[in-house]
Amino acid sequence: MTVERTTPPIPEAAWFTSSYTSSDTGQCVEVALPGTVAGVRDTKRREQGHIRVPTRSWQRLLLHVKQG
C-alpha cells in the first residue's frame, strides 16, 4: 500500500507533552499546535504517526474535558 502525504509534516520542535499526561499510568500524549491544526500522538508510539484536528476543535474538546 502506498500512502501519499497531502499535508506538510509537523516539525519535531512543535511537539510538547500534554498537561494531561499521567506518568503514574504510563498514558503519555504529545500535542503540537503549529497553526490551524492540532497534532496528537502517543509519546511511546511516535512512529505510528499522529492524528490532526482543526485547532478550534481541539480547543473545544479541551474545554468540554475541563468542564467535566
N, C-alpha and C. Protein backbone atom coordinates (compact mmCIF):
# COMPACT_ATOMS: atom_id res chain seq x y z
N MET A 1 0.84 -1.16 0.00
CA MET A 1 0.00 0.00 0.00
C MET A 1 0.90 1.24 0.00
N THR A 2 0.54 2.21 -0.79
CA THR A 2 1.27 3.46 -0.86
C THR A 2 0.46 4.54 -0.18
N VAL A 3 1.11 5.28 0.69
CA VAL A 3 0.46 6.38 1.39
C VAL A 3 1.06 7.68 0.89
N GLU A 4 0.21 8.60 0.45
CA GLU A 4 0.68 9.89 -0.01
C GLU A 4 0.40 10.94 1.06
N ARG A 5 1.37 11.77 1.33
CA ARG A 5 1.18 12.87 2.28
C ARG A 5 0.56 14.04 1.52
N THR A 6 -0.54 14.53 2.03
CA THR A 6 -1.17 15.68 1.42
C THR A 6 -1.00 16.93 2.27
N THR A 7 -0.44 16.77 3.44
CA THR A 7 -0.19 17.90 4.33
C THR A 7 1.27 17.88 4.74
N PRO A 8 1.84 19.04 5.01
CA PRO A 8 3.25 19.05 5.42
C PRO A 8 3.42 18.41 6.79
N PRO A 9 4.56 17.78 7.03
CA PRO A 9 4.79 17.17 8.34
C PRO A 9 4.88 18.24 9.43
N ILE A 10 4.56 17.84 10.64
CA ILE A 10 4.68 18.74 11.79
C ILE A 10 6.11 18.64 12.30
N PRO A 11 6.81 19.76 12.41
CA PRO A 11 8.21 19.73 12.88
C PRO A 11 8.31 19.15 14.29
N GLU A 12 9.37 18.39 14.55
CA GLU A 12 9.57 17.80 15.88
C GLU A 12 9.59 18.85 16.98
N ALA A 13 10.13 20.03 16.68
CA ALA A 13 10.23 21.09 17.69
C ALA A 13 8.86 21.60 18.13
N ALA A 14 7.82 21.33 17.35
CA ALA A 14 6.48 21.83 17.68
C ALA A 14 5.78 20.97 18.74
N TRP A 15 6.26 19.74 18.96
CA TRP A 15 5.60 18.81 19.87
C TRP A 15 5.95 19.10 21.32
N PHE A 16 4.97 18.98 22.20
CA PHE A 16 5.20 19.13 23.64
C PHE A 16 4.33 18.12 24.38
N THR A 17 4.74 17.78 25.59
CA THR A 17 3.97 16.83 26.39
C THR A 17 2.73 17.52 26.94
N SER A 18 1.61 16.89 26.74
CA SER A 18 0.35 17.46 27.21
C SER A 18 0.30 17.52 28.73
N SER A 19 -0.36 18.52 29.25
CA SER A 19 -0.53 18.63 30.71
C SER A 19 -1.44 17.53 31.24
N TYR A 20 -2.12 16.83 30.34
CA TYR A 20 -2.99 15.72 30.74
C TYR A 20 -2.24 14.39 30.82
N THR A 21 -0.94 14.41 30.52
CA THR A 21 -0.13 13.20 30.58
C THR A 21 -0.01 12.72 32.02
N SER A 22 -0.12 11.40 32.19
CA SER A 22 -0.03 10.81 33.52
C SER A 22 1.16 9.86 33.58
N SER A 23 2.17 10.22 34.33
CA SER A 23 3.33 9.34 34.45
C SER A 23 3.02 8.13 35.32
N ASP A 24 2.00 8.22 36.16
CA ASP A 24 1.63 7.10 37.03
C ASP A 24 1.04 5.94 36.24
N THR A 25 0.29 6.25 35.19
CA THR A 25 -0.38 5.20 34.42
C THR A 25 0.32 4.88 33.12
N GLY A 26 1.34 5.65 32.76
CA GLY A 26 2.05 5.40 31.52
C GLY A 26 1.30 5.92 30.30
N GLN A 27 0.26 6.69 30.50
CA GLN A 27 -0.51 7.25 29.39
C GLN A 27 0.08 8.60 29.02
N CYS A 28 0.88 8.61 27.98
CA CYS A 28 1.62 9.81 27.61
C CYS A 28 1.13 10.31 26.26
N VAL A 29 0.75 11.57 26.21
CA VAL A 29 0.27 12.18 24.98
C VAL A 29 1.09 13.42 24.69
N GLU A 30 1.43 13.59 23.42
CA GLU A 30 2.10 14.81 22.98
C GLU A 30 1.17 15.56 22.04
N VAL A 31 1.28 16.87 22.08
CA VAL A 31 0.44 17.73 21.27
C VAL A 31 1.33 18.71 20.52
N ALA A 32 0.93 19.06 19.31
CA ALA A 32 1.60 20.11 18.53
C ALA A 32 0.53 21.05 18.01
N LEU A 33 0.80 22.33 18.10
CA LEU A 33 -0.15 23.34 17.63
C LEU A 33 0.56 24.28 16.65
N PRO A 34 0.89 23.76 15.46
CA PRO A 34 1.68 24.56 14.53
C PRO A 34 0.91 25.58 13.70
N GLY A 35 -0.35 25.79 13.98
CA GLY A 35 -1.13 26.75 13.21
C GLY A 35 -2.61 26.43 13.29
N THR A 36 -3.18 26.08 12.16
CA THR A 36 -4.63 25.83 12.11
C THR A 36 -4.99 24.39 12.43
N VAL A 37 -4.00 23.53 12.67
CA VAL A 37 -4.27 22.14 13.03
C VAL A 37 -3.57 21.80 14.34
N ALA A 38 -4.14 20.86 15.06
CA ALA A 38 -3.52 20.32 16.26
C ALA A 38 -3.13 18.88 15.96
N GLY A 39 -1.91 18.52 16.29
CA GLY A 39 -1.47 17.14 16.15
C GLY A 39 -1.46 16.49 17.52
N VAL A 40 -1.89 15.23 17.58
CA VAL A 40 -1.91 14.48 18.84
C VAL A 40 -1.30 13.12 18.56
N ARG A 41 -0.35 12.71 19.43
CA ARG A 41 0.28 11.40 19.25
C ARG A 41 0.63 10.79 20.59
N ASP A 42 0.81 9.49 20.56
CA ASP A 42 1.22 8.72 21.73
C ASP A 42 2.73 8.84 21.87
N THR A 43 3.19 9.32 23.00
CA THR A 43 4.62 9.52 23.22
C THR A 43 5.40 8.23 23.04
N LYS A 44 4.84 7.11 23.45
CA LYS A 44 5.55 5.84 23.38
C LYS A 44 5.50 5.21 21.99
N ARG A 45 4.64 5.72 21.12
CA ARG A 45 4.48 5.12 19.78
C ARG A 45 4.51 6.21 18.70
N ARG A 46 5.49 7.07 18.78
CA ARG A 46 5.60 8.18 17.82
C ARG A 46 5.66 7.68 16.39
N GLU A 47 6.31 6.54 16.20
CA GLU A 47 6.49 6.01 14.84
C GLU A 47 5.17 5.62 14.20
N GLN A 48 4.12 5.49 14.97
CA GLN A 48 2.81 5.12 14.42
C GLN A 48 2.03 6.33 13.91
N GLY A 49 2.64 7.49 14.02
CA GLY A 49 2.02 8.67 13.47
C GLY A 49 1.19 9.45 14.48
N HIS A 50 0.34 10.29 13.97
CA HIS A 50 -0.47 11.16 14.82
C HIS A 50 -1.79 11.45 14.12
N ILE A 51 -2.70 12.03 14.86
CA ILE A 51 -3.94 12.49 14.25
C ILE A 51 -3.88 14.02 14.19
N ARG A 52 -4.59 14.57 13.23
CA ARG A 52 -4.69 16.01 13.07
C ARG A 52 -6.15 16.42 13.16
N VAL A 53 -6.39 17.45 13.91
CA VAL A 53 -7.74 18.01 14.00
C VAL A 53 -7.61 19.53 13.93
N PRO A 54 -8.65 20.20 13.47
CA PRO A 54 -8.58 21.66 13.47
C PRO A 54 -8.33 22.17 14.89
N THR A 55 -7.49 23.19 15.01
CA THR A 55 -7.13 23.73 16.32
C THR A 55 -8.37 24.14 17.11
N ARG A 56 -9.35 24.73 16.46
CA ARG A 56 -10.58 25.14 17.17
C ARG A 56 -11.31 23.93 17.74
N SER A 57 -11.34 22.83 17.01
CA SER A 57 -11.98 21.60 17.52
C SER A 57 -11.22 21.07 18.72
N TRP A 58 -9.90 21.11 18.68
CA TRP A 58 -9.07 20.66 19.81
C TRP A 58 -9.36 21.52 21.03
N GLN A 59 -9.46 22.83 20.83
CA GLN A 59 -9.75 23.73 21.94
C GLN A 59 -11.12 23.46 22.54
N ARG A 60 -12.10 23.18 21.70
CA ARG A 60 -13.45 22.86 22.20
C ARG A 60 -13.45 21.55 22.98
N LEU A 61 -12.70 20.56 22.49
CA LEU A 61 -12.60 19.29 23.22
C LEU A 61 -12.01 19.52 24.60
N LEU A 62 -10.92 20.27 24.68
CA LEU A 62 -10.30 20.54 25.98
C LEU A 62 -11.25 21.28 26.92
N LEU A 63 -12.02 22.21 26.39
CA LEU A 63 -12.99 22.95 27.18
C LEU A 63 -14.02 21.99 27.78
N HIS A 64 -14.52 21.07 26.96
CA HIS A 64 -15.51 20.09 27.45
C HIS A 64 -14.91 19.16 28.49
N VAL A 65 -13.66 18.75 28.29
CA VAL A 65 -12.99 17.89 29.27
C VAL A 65 -12.83 18.62 30.60
N LYS A 66 -12.42 19.86 30.54
CA LYS A 66 -12.24 20.65 31.76
C LYS A 66 -13.55 20.87 32.50
N GLN A 67 -14.63 21.02 31.75
CA GLN A 67 -15.95 21.26 32.36
C GLN A 67 -16.55 19.98 32.93
N GLY A 68 -16.00 18.84 32.52
CA GLY A 68 -16.48 17.56 33.04
C GLY A 68 -17.66 17.12 32.29
